[in-house]
Amino acid sequence: MVNLFRHVFCSSLGKKYLMAGSGAVLFLFVLGHLVGNLQIFLGPEAINRYGHFLQTNVELLWPVRIALLLIIGIHIWSATQLTLENRAARPIAYEQWQPTTATYASRTMMMSGLIVGAFIIYHLLHFTVMVKAVNLTGKDFDAKPEFYDAQGQHDIYKMMVTGFKQPLVSVFYLVGVGLLCLHLSHGVSAMFQSLGWKKRSYGQSLDCGAKWLAGLIFLGYASIPLAILLGCIK
């Protein structure tokens, strides 16, 4: 057991597996979260029912939240460790470095990851913890009866509409989601490479597919604040 722990957490290969595995779980969460959020286009009843299901299943909700926080911590830790190891292996920087094959997304993975982390914290404070000071609307998103529907459920629909009507919040959300998808555009492909599942025969197709998938995810998330700002969702 000790040897397994040492192999996973102390070796470069083990850290790559940790980063890839945790990244895969987080990617699936991003997809699931998007499917849930897009229910706002089905109207208040659908999105409020979805939110009520999550909020009332505490025995499911909190273990998932704790597990996700742990996985995020592992992802950040393994990525940081691998970055430090790479820098230590090349203590003297290139005199004149001209990246020819590395994409912008791959060169900025650490930076985009840290910014996305800050965005996630804000997003949690905004819509999950519902801290009044960060929503920039002056409203308490947990106030009764203003943000509760006729069935006594938390009015997620009204909360999202009110929250995204604030232009600064929507712009920050779009930037955060954009950086997340930039991170995914390389991370999804890199995940397959770290796990040894990326072959030369279909490597380019995998890279291209990851970029298209990241773009579609961005469009999905961005459609919500844009629809609210444009008055398509009221």
C-alpha atoms as a PDB file:
ATOM      1  CA  MET A   1       0.000   0.000   0.000  1.00  0.00           C
ATOM      2  CA  VAL A   2       2.835   2.349   0.890  1.00  0.00           C
ATOM      3  CA  ASN A   3       4.623   1.492  -2.351  1.00  0.00           C
ATOM      4  CA  LEU A   4       1.442   2.174  -4.338  1.00  0.00           C
ATOM      5  CA  PHE A   5       1.002   5.525  -2.601  1.00  0.00           C
ATOM      6  CA  ARG A   6       4.643   6.402  -3.249  1.00  0.00           C
ATOM      7  CA  HIS A   7       4.388   5.376  -6.903  1.00  0.00           C
ATOM      8  CA  VAL A   8       1.249   7.435  -7.501  1.00  0.00           C
ATOM      9  CA  PHE A   9       2.067  10.564  -5.517  1.00  0.00           C
ATOM     10  CA  CYS A  10       5.865  10.678  -5.749  1.00  0.00           C
ATOM     11  CA  SER A  11       6.629   9.661  -9.322  1.00  0.00           C
ATOM     12  CA  SER A  12       6.165  11.870 -12.383  1.00  0.00           C
ATOM     13  CA  LEU A  13       4.175   9.120 -14.099  1.00  0.00           C
ATOM     14  CA  GLY A  14       1.865   8.779 -11.114  1.00  0.00           C
ATOM     15  CA  LYS A  15       1.269  12.534 -11.026  1.00  0.00           C
ATOM     16  CA  LYS A  16       0.412  12.484 -14.735  1.00  0.00           C
ATOM     17  CA  TYR A  17      -2.150   9.763 -14.063  1.00  0.00           C
ATOM     18  CA  LEU A  18      -3.567  11.774 -11.168  1.00  0.00           C
ATOM     19  CA  MET A  19      -3.842  14.904 -13.292  1.00  0.00           C
ATOM     20  CA  ALA A  20      -5.412  13.014 -16.199  1.00  0.00           C
ATOM     21  CA  GLY A  21      -7.836  11.033 -14.030  1.00  0.00           C
ATOM     22  CA  SER A  22      -8.960  14.035 -11.990  1.00  0.00           C
ATOM     23  CA  GLY A  23      -9.256  16.063 -15.189  1.00  0.00           C
ATOM     24  CA  ALA A  24     -11.514  13.393 -16.713  1.00  0.00           C
ATOM     25  CA  VAL A  25     -13.856  13.487 -13.700  1.00  0.00           C
ATOM     26  CA  LEU A  26     -13.977  17.298 -13.759  1.00  0.00           C
ATOM     27  CA  PHE A  27     -14.656  17.261 -17.500  1.00  0.00           C
ATOM     28  CA  LEU A  28     -17.645  14.960 -16.973  1.00  0.00           C
ATOM     29  CA  PHE A  29     -18.887  17.301 -14.249  1.00  0.00           C
ATOM     30  CA  VAL A  30     -18.610  20.281 -16.625  1.00  0.00           C
ATOM     31  CA  LEU A  31     -20.783  18.408 -19.144  1.00  0.00           C
ATOM     32  CA  GLY A  32     -23.336  17.373 -16.519  1.00  0.00           C
ATOM     33  CA  HIS A  33     -23.488  20.873 -15.061  1.00  0.00           C
ATOM     34  CA  LEU A  34     -24.078  22.290 -18.531  1.00  0.00           C
ATOM     35  CA  VAL A  35     -26.982  19.895 -19.182  1.00  0.00           C
ATOM     36  CA  GLY A  36     -28.528  20.960 -15.875  1.00  0.00           C
ATOM     37  CA  ASN A  37     -28.090  24.679 -16.498  1.00  0.00           C
ATOM     38  CA  LEU A  38     -29.508  24.522 -20.028  1.00  0.00           C
ATOM     39  CA  GLN A  39     -32.847  23.537 -18.513  1.00  0.00           C
ATOM     40  CA  ILE A  40     -33.402  27.260 -17.990  1.00  0.00           C
ATOM     41  CA  PHE A  41     -34.509  27.336 -21.648  1.00  0.00           C
ATOM     42  CA  LEU A  42     -37.324  24.929 -20.714  1.00  0.00           C
ATOM     43  CA  GLY A  43     -38.782  27.492 -18.329  1.00  0.00           C
ATOM     44  CA  PRO A  44     -38.970  28.098 -14.564  1.00  0.00           C
ATOM     45  CA  GLU A  45     -40.684  24.815 -13.694  1.00  0.00           C
ATOM     46  CA  ALA A  46     -37.941  22.624 -15.198  1.00  0.00           C
ATOM     47  CA  ILE A  47     -34.903  24.441 -13.788  1.00  0.00           C
ATOM     48  CA  ASN A  48     -36.561  24.932 -10.358  1.00  0.00           C
ATOM     49  CA  ARG A  49     -37.453  21.229 -10.172  1.00  0.00           C
ATOM     50  CA  TYR A  50     -33.843  20.366 -11.037  1.00  0.00           C
ATOM     51  CA  GLY A  51     -32.525  22.737  -8.364  1.00  0.00           C
ATOM     52  CA  HIS A  52     -35.008  21.420  -5.787  1.00  0.00           C
ATOM     53  CA  PHE A  53     -33.893  17.839  -6.461  1.00  0.00           C
ATOM     54  CA  LEU A  54     -30.250  18.772  -5.828  1.00  0.00           C
ATOM     55  CA  GLN A  55     -30.949  20.871  -2.730  1.00  0.00           C
ATOM     56  CA  THR A  56     -33.193  18.320  -1.027  1.00  0.00           C
ATOM     57  CA  ASN A  57     -30.905  15.308  -1.571  1.00  0.00           C
ATOM     58  CA  VAL A  58     -28.356  16.422   0.998  1.00  0.00           C
ATOM     59  CA  GLU A  59     -27.001  12.892   1.499  1.00  0.00           C
ATOM     60  CA  LEU A  60     -26.052  12.929  -2.195  1.00  0.00           C
ATOM     61  CA  LEU A  61     -25.212  16.606  -2.663  1.00  0.00           C
ATOM     62  CA  TRP A  62     -22.600  17.064   0.052  1.00  0.00           C
ATOM     63  CA  PRO A  63     -20.573  13.916  -0.663  1.00  0.00           C
ATOM     64  CA  VAL A  64     -20.455  14.966  -4.335  1.00  0.00           C
ATOM     65  CA  ARG A  65     -19.382  18.507  -3.392  1.00  0.00           C
ATOM     66  CA  ILE A  66     -16.659  17.255  -1.050  1.00  0.00           C
ATOM     67  CA  ALA A  67     -15.441  14.742  -3.632  1.00  0.00           C
ATOM     68  CA  LEU A  68     -15.310  17.439  -6.327  1.00  0.00           C
ATOM     69  CA  LEU A  69     -13.331  19.775  -4.067  1.00  0.00           C
ATOM     70  CA  LEU A  70     -10.911  16.944  -3.318  1.00  0.00           C
ATOM     71  CA  ILE A  71     -10.560  16.133  -7.033  1.00  0.00           C
ATOM     72  CA  ILE A  72      -9.973  19.806  -7.871  1.00  0.00           C
ATOM     73  CA  GLY A  73      -7.286  19.910  -5.172  1.00  0.00           C
ATOM     74  CA  ILE A  74      -5.600  16.800  -6.612  1.00  0.00           C
ATOM     75  CA  HIS A  75      -5.770  18.253 -10.131  1.00  0.00           C
ATOM     76  CA  ILE A  76      -4.193  21.555  -9.064  1.00  0.00           C
ATOM     77  CA  TRP A  77      -1.554  19.847  -6.916  1.00  0.00           C
ATOM     78  CA  SER A  78      -0.475  17.352  -9.588  1.00  0.00           C
ATOM     79  CA  ALA A  79      -0.395  20.050 -12.294  1.00  0.00           C
ATOM     80  CA  THR A  80       1.707  22.331 -10.069  1.00  0.00           C
ATOM     81  CA  GLN A  81       4.118  19.533  -9.170  1.00  0.00           C
ATOM     82  CA  LEU A  82       4.612  18.537 -12.802  1.00  0.00           C
ATOM     83  CA  THR A  83       5.171  22.171 -13.815  1.00  0.00           C
ATOM     84  CA  LEU A  84       7.798  22.618 -11.092  1.00  0.00           C
ATOM     85  CA  GLU A  85       9.504  19.367 -12.102  1.00  0.00           C
ATOM     86  CA  ASN A  86       9.628  20.465 -15.749  1.00  0.00           C
ATOM     87  CA  ARG A  87      11.167  23.788 -14.785  1.00  0.00           C
ATOM     88  CA  ALA A  88      13.684  22.114 -12.503  1.00  0.00           C
ATOM     89  CA  ALA A  89      14.710  19.803 -15.332  1.00  0.00           C
ATOM     90  CA  ARG A  90      15.539  22.888 -17.437  1.00  0.00           C
ATOM     91  CA  PRO A  91      16.892  25.482 -14.974  1.00  0.00           C
ATOM     92  CA  ILE A  92      18.251  27.640 -17.800  1.00  0.00           C
ATOM     93  CA  ALA A  93      15.550  29.055 -20.020  1.00  0.00           C
ATOM     94  CA  TYR A  94      15.735  29.031 -23.789  1.00  0.00           C
ATOM     95  CA  GLU A  95      17.765  31.975 -25.088  1.00  0.00           C
ATOM     96  CA  GLN A  96      15.271  32.486 -27.880  1.00  0.00           C
ATOM     97  CA  TRP A  97      12.207  30.257 -27.680  1.00  0.00           C
ATOM     98  CA  GLN A  98       9.916  30.145 -30.669  1.00  0.00           C
ATOM     99  CA  PRO A  99       7.053  27.681 -30.133  1.00  0.00           C
ATOM    100  CA  THR A 100       6.232  25.968 -33.418  1.00  0.00           C
ATOM    101  CA  THR A 101       4.104  23.011 -32.366  1.00  0.00           C
ATOM    102  CA  ALA A 102       2.834  24.022 -28.920  1.00  0.00           C
ATOM    103  CA  THR A 103      -0.550  25.736 -29.064  1.00  0.00           C
ATOM    104  CA  TYR A 104      -1.436  28.834 -27.036  1.00  0.00           C
ATOM    105  CA  ALA A 105      -3.774  26.701 -24.918  1.00  0.00           C
ATOM    106  CA  SER A 106      -0.988  24.238 -24.074  1.00  0.00           C
ATOM    107  CA  ARG A 107       1.460  27.035 -23.190  1.00  0.00           C
ATOM    108  CA  THR A 108      -0.995  28.723 -20.828  1.00  0.00           C
ATOM    109  CA  MET A 109      -2.473  25.682 -19.073  1.00  0.00           C
ATOM    110  CA  MET A 110      -1.155  26.687 -15.643  1.00  0.00           C
ATOM    111  CA  MET A 111      -2.274  30.307 -15.961  1.00  0.00           C
ATOM    112  CA  SER A 112      -5.735  29.486 -17.340  1.00  0.00           C
ATOM    113  CA  GLY A 113      -6.161  26.793 -14.691  1.00  0.00           C
ATOM    114  CA  LEU A 114      -5.472  29.212 -11.833  1.00  0.00           C
ATOM    115  CA  ILE A 115      -7.824  31.849 -13.271  1.00  0.00           C
ATOM    116  CA  VAL A 116     -10.517  29.217 -13.776  1.00  0.00           C
ATOM    117  CA  GLY A 117     -10.024  28.226 -10.130  1.00  0.00           C
ATOM    118  CA  ALA A 118     -10.686  31.829  -9.065  1.00  0.00           C
ATOM    119  CA  PHE A 119     -13.740  31.922 -11.335  1.00  0.00           C
ATOM    120  CA  ILE A 120     -15.116  28.717  -9.792  1.00  0.00           C
ATOM    121  CA  ILE A 121     -14.759  30.189  -6.294  1.00  0.00           C
ATOM    122  CA  TYR A 122     -16.674  33.310  -7.360  1.00  0.00           C
ATOM    123  CA  HIS A 123     -19.327  31.228  -9.130  1.00  0.00           C
ATOM    124  CA  LEU A 124     -19.860  29.154  -5.967  1.00  0.00           C
ATOM    125  CA  LEU A 125     -20.141  32.273  -3.817  1.00  0.00           C
ATOM    126  CA  HIS A 126     -22.543  33.785  -6.360  1.00  0.00           C
ATOM    127  CA  PHE A 127     -25.093  31.027  -7.020  1.00  0.00           C
ATOM    128  CA  THR A 128     -24.362  28.250  -4.489  1.00  0.00           C
ATOM    129  CA  VAL A 129     -23.512  30.022  -1.224  1.00  0.00           C
ATOM    130  CA  MET A 130     -25.498  33.062  -2.466  1.00  0.00           C
ATOM    131  CA  VAL A 131     -23.320  35.718  -0.852  1.00  0.00           C
ATOM    132  CA  LYS A 132     -25.199  38.973  -1.372  1.00  0.00           C
ATOM    133  CA  ALA A 133     -22.060  41.106  -1.605  1.00  0.00           C
ATOM    134  CA  VAL A 134     -20.759  39.393  -4.771  1.00  0.00           C
ATOM    135  CA  ASN A 135     -23.882  39.379  -6.975  1.00  0.00           C
ATOM    136  CA  LEU A 136     -23.752  43.183  -7.597  1.00  0.00           C
ATOM    137  CA  THR A 137     -27.560  43.418  -7.635  1.00  0.00           C
ATOM    138  CA  GLY A 138     -28.173  44.345  -4.004  1.00  0.00           C
ATOM    139  CA  LYS A 139     -30.596  41.423  -3.687  1.00  0.00           C
ATOM    140  CA  ASP A 140     -30.490  38.399  -1.421  1.00  0.00           C
ATOM    141  CA  PHE A 141     -30.894  35.359  -3.690  1.00  0.00           C
ATOM    142  CA  ASP A 142     -32.134  33.277  -0.753  1.00  0.00           C
ATOM    143  CA  ALA A 143     -34.759  35.769   0.410  1.00  0.00           C
ATOM    144  CA  LYS A 144     -38.318  34.565   1.001  1.00  0.00           C
ATOM    145  CA  PRO A 145     -40.738  34.924  -0.705  1.00  0.00           C
ATOM    146  CA  GLU A 146     -38.974  36.927  -3.448  1.00  0.00           C
ATOM    147  CA  PHE A 147     -36.775  34.076  -4.651  1.00  0.00           C
ATOM    148  CA  TYR A 148     -39.153  31.184  -3.995  1.00  0.00           C
ATOM    149  CA  ASP A 149     -41.826  29.953  -6.412  1.00  0.00           C
ATOM    150  CA  ALA A 150     -45.461  29.028  -5.798  1.00  0.00           C
ATOM    151  CA  GLN A 151     -44.485  25.463  -4.829  1.00  0.00           C
ATOM    152  CA  GLY A 152     -42.143  26.755  -2.131  1.00  0.00           C
ATOM    153  CA  GLN A 153     -39.064  25.768  -4.140  1.00  0.00           C
ATOM    154  CA  HIS A 154     -36.041  27.998  -4.474  1.00  0.00           C
ATOM    155  CA  ASP A 155     -36.607  30.013  -7.651  1.00  0.00           C
ATOM    156  CA  ILE A 156     -33.413  29.129  -9.499  1.00  0.00           C
ATOM    157  CA  TYR A 157     -34.841  30.593 -12.712  1.00  0.00           C
ATOM    158  CA  LYS A 158     -35.401  34.035 -11.192  1.00  0.00           C
ATOM    159  CA  MET A 159     -32.030  33.921  -9.423  1.00  0.00           C
ATOM    160  CA  MET A 160     -30.172  33.191 -12.662  1.00  0.00           C
ATOM    161  CA  VAL A 161     -32.087  35.838 -14.623  1.00  0.00           C
ATOM    162  CA  THR A 162     -31.508  38.454 -11.910  1.00  0.00           C
ATOM    163  CA  GLY A 163     -27.868  37.507 -11.545  1.00  0.00           C
ATOM    164  CA  PHE A 164     -26.984  37.555 -15.240  1.00  0.00           C
ATOM    165  CA  LYS A 165     -28.870  40.797 -15.890  1.00  0.00           C
ATOM    166  CA  GLN A 166     -25.899  42.462 -14.219  1.00  0.00           C
ATOM    167  CA  PRO A 167     -23.556  43.062 -17.210  1.00  0.00           C
ATOM    168  CA  LEU A 168     -20.322  42.904 -15.184  1.00  0.00           C
ATOM    169  CA  VAL A 169     -21.276  39.505 -13.804  1.00  0.00           C
ATOM    170  CA  SER A 170     -22.169  38.184 -17.257  1.00  0.00           C
ATOM    171  CA  VAL A 171     -18.935  39.473 -18.793  1.00  0.00           C
ATOM    172  CA  PHE A 172     -16.876  37.896 -16.000  1.00  0.00           C
ATOM    173  CA  TYR A 173     -18.809  34.653 -16.445  1.00  0.00           C
ATOM    174  CA  LEU A 174     -18.148  34.646 -20.202  1.00  0.00           C
ATOM    175  CA  VAL A 175     -14.423  35.301 -19.648  1.00  0.00           C
ATOM    176  CA  GLY A 176     -14.250  32.561 -17.002  1.00  0.00           C
ATOM    177  CA  VAL A 177     -16.073  30.027 -19.171  1.00  0.00           C
ATOM    178  CA  GLY A 178     -13.917  31.042 -22.148  1.00  0.00           C
ATOM    179  CA  LEU A 179     -10.732  30.323 -20.198  1.00  0.00           C
ATOM    180  CA  LEU A 180     -12.216  27.058 -18.924  1.00  0.00           C
ATOM    181  CA  CYS A 181     -12.890  25.952 -22.492  1.00  0.00           C
ATOM    182  CA  LEU A 182      -9.437  27.107 -23.599  1.00  0.00           C
ATOM    183  CA  HIS A 183      -8.083  24.884 -20.825  1.00  0.00           C
ATOM    184  CA  LEU A 184     -10.281  21.995 -22.001  1.00  0.00           C
ATOM    185  CA  SER A 185      -9.305  22.430 -25.654  1.00  0.00           C
ATOM    186  CA  HIS A 186      -5.837  21.154 -24.768  1.00  0.00           C
ATOM    187  CA  GLY A 187      -6.580  19.306 -21.531  1.00  0.00           C
ATOM    188  CA  VAL A 188      -8.924  16.736 -23.074  1.00  0.00           C
ATOM    189  CA  SER A 189      -6.324  15.742 -25.662  1.00  0.00           C
ATOM    190  CA  ALA A 190      -3.491  15.841 -23.096  1.00  0.00           C
ATOM    191  CA  MET A 191      -5.522  13.562 -20.831  1.00  0.00           C
ATOM    192  CA  PHE A 192      -5.492  10.814 -23.485  1.00  0.00           C
ATOM    193  CA  GLN A 193      -1.755  11.323 -23.994  1.00  0.00           C
ATOM    194  CA  SER A 194      -1.002  11.070 -20.254  1.00  0.00           C
ATOM    195  CA  LEU A 195      -2.978   7.830 -20.038  1.00  0.00           C
ATOM    196  CA  GLY A 196      -1.164   6.419 -23.087  1.00  0.00           C
ATOM    197  CA  TRP A 197      -4.334   6.344 -25.177  1.00  0.00           C
ATOM    198  CA  LYS A 198      -3.231   8.850 -27.809  1.00  0.00           C
ATOM    199  CA  LYS A 199      -1.763   7.282 -30.946  1.00  0.00           C
ATOM    200  CA  ARG A 200      -0.080   8.983 -33.874  1.00  0.00           C
ATOM    201  CA  SER A 201      -2.660   7.535 -36.280  1.00  0.00           C
ATOM    202  CA  TYR A 202      -5.529   9.516 -34.760  1.00  0.00           C
ATOM    203  CA  GLY A 203      -3.692  12.100 -32.638  1.00  0.00           C
ATOM    204  CA  GLN A 204      -4.504  15.052 -34.895  1.00  0.00           C
ATOM    205  CA  SER A 205      -8.160  14.058 -35.087  1.00  0.00           C
ATOM    206  CA  LEU A 206      -8.254  13.859 -31.291  1.00  0.00           C
ATOM    207  CA  ASP A 207      -6.700  17.329 -30.983  1.00  0.00           C
ATOM    208  CA  CYS A 208      -9.212  18.750 -33.449  1.00  0.00           C
ATOM    209  CA  GLY A 209     -12.120  17.009 -31.737  1.00  0.00           C
ATOM    210  CA  ALA A 210     -11.066  18.386 -28.346  1.00  0.00           C
ATOM    211  CA  LYS A 211     -11.070  21.942 -29.744  1.00  0.00           C
ATOM    212  CA  TRP A 212     -14.504  21.523 -31.323  1.00  0.00           C
ATOM    213  CA  LEU A 213     -15.900  19.998 -28.136  1.00  0.00           C
ATOM    214  CA  ALA A 214     -14.488  22.847 -26.038  1.00  0.00           C
ATOM    215  CA  GLY A 215     -16.044  25.329 -28.460  1.00  0.00           C
ATOM    216  CA  LEU A 216     -19.463  23.679 -28.191  1.00  0.00           C
ATOM    217  CA  ILE A 217     -19.255  23.664 -24.407  1.00  0.00           C
ATOM    218  CA  PHE A 218     -18.429  27.382 -24.468  1.00  0.00           C
ATOM    219  CA  LEU A 219     -21.426  28.094 -26.713  1.00  0.00           C
ATOM    220  CA  GLY A 220     -23.664  26.122 -24.367  1.00  0.00           C
ATOM    221  CA  TYR A 221     -22.575  27.967 -21.232  1.00  0.00           C
ATOM    222  CA  ALA A 222     -22.369  31.365 -22.961  1.00  0.00           C
ATOM    223  CA  SER A 223     -25.885  31.028 -24.388  1.00  0.00           C
ATOM    224  CA  ILE A 224     -27.427  31.464 -20.911  1.00  0.00           C
ATOM    225  CA  PRO A 225     -26.085  34.923 -19.902  1.00  0.00           C
ATOM    226  CA  LEU A 226     -26.306  36.142 -23.506  1.00  0.00           C
ATOM    227  CA  ALA A 227     -29.964  35.079 -23.774  1.00  0.00           C
ATOM    228  CA  ILE A 228     -30.725  36.875 -20.511  1.00  0.00           C
ATOM    229  CA  LEU A 229     -28.855  40.052 -21.469  1.00  0.00           C
ATOM    230  CA  LEU A 230     -30.586  40.117 -24.870  1.00  0.00           C
ATOM    231  CA  GLY A 231     -34.010  39.666 -23.260  1.00  0.00           C
ATOM    232  CA  CYS A 232     -34.679  36.218 -24.753  1.00  0.00           C
ATOM    233  CA  ILE A 233     -35.095  34.864 -21.216  1.00  0.00           C
ATOM    234  CA  LYS A 234     -37.095  37.094 -18.848  1.00  0.00           C
END
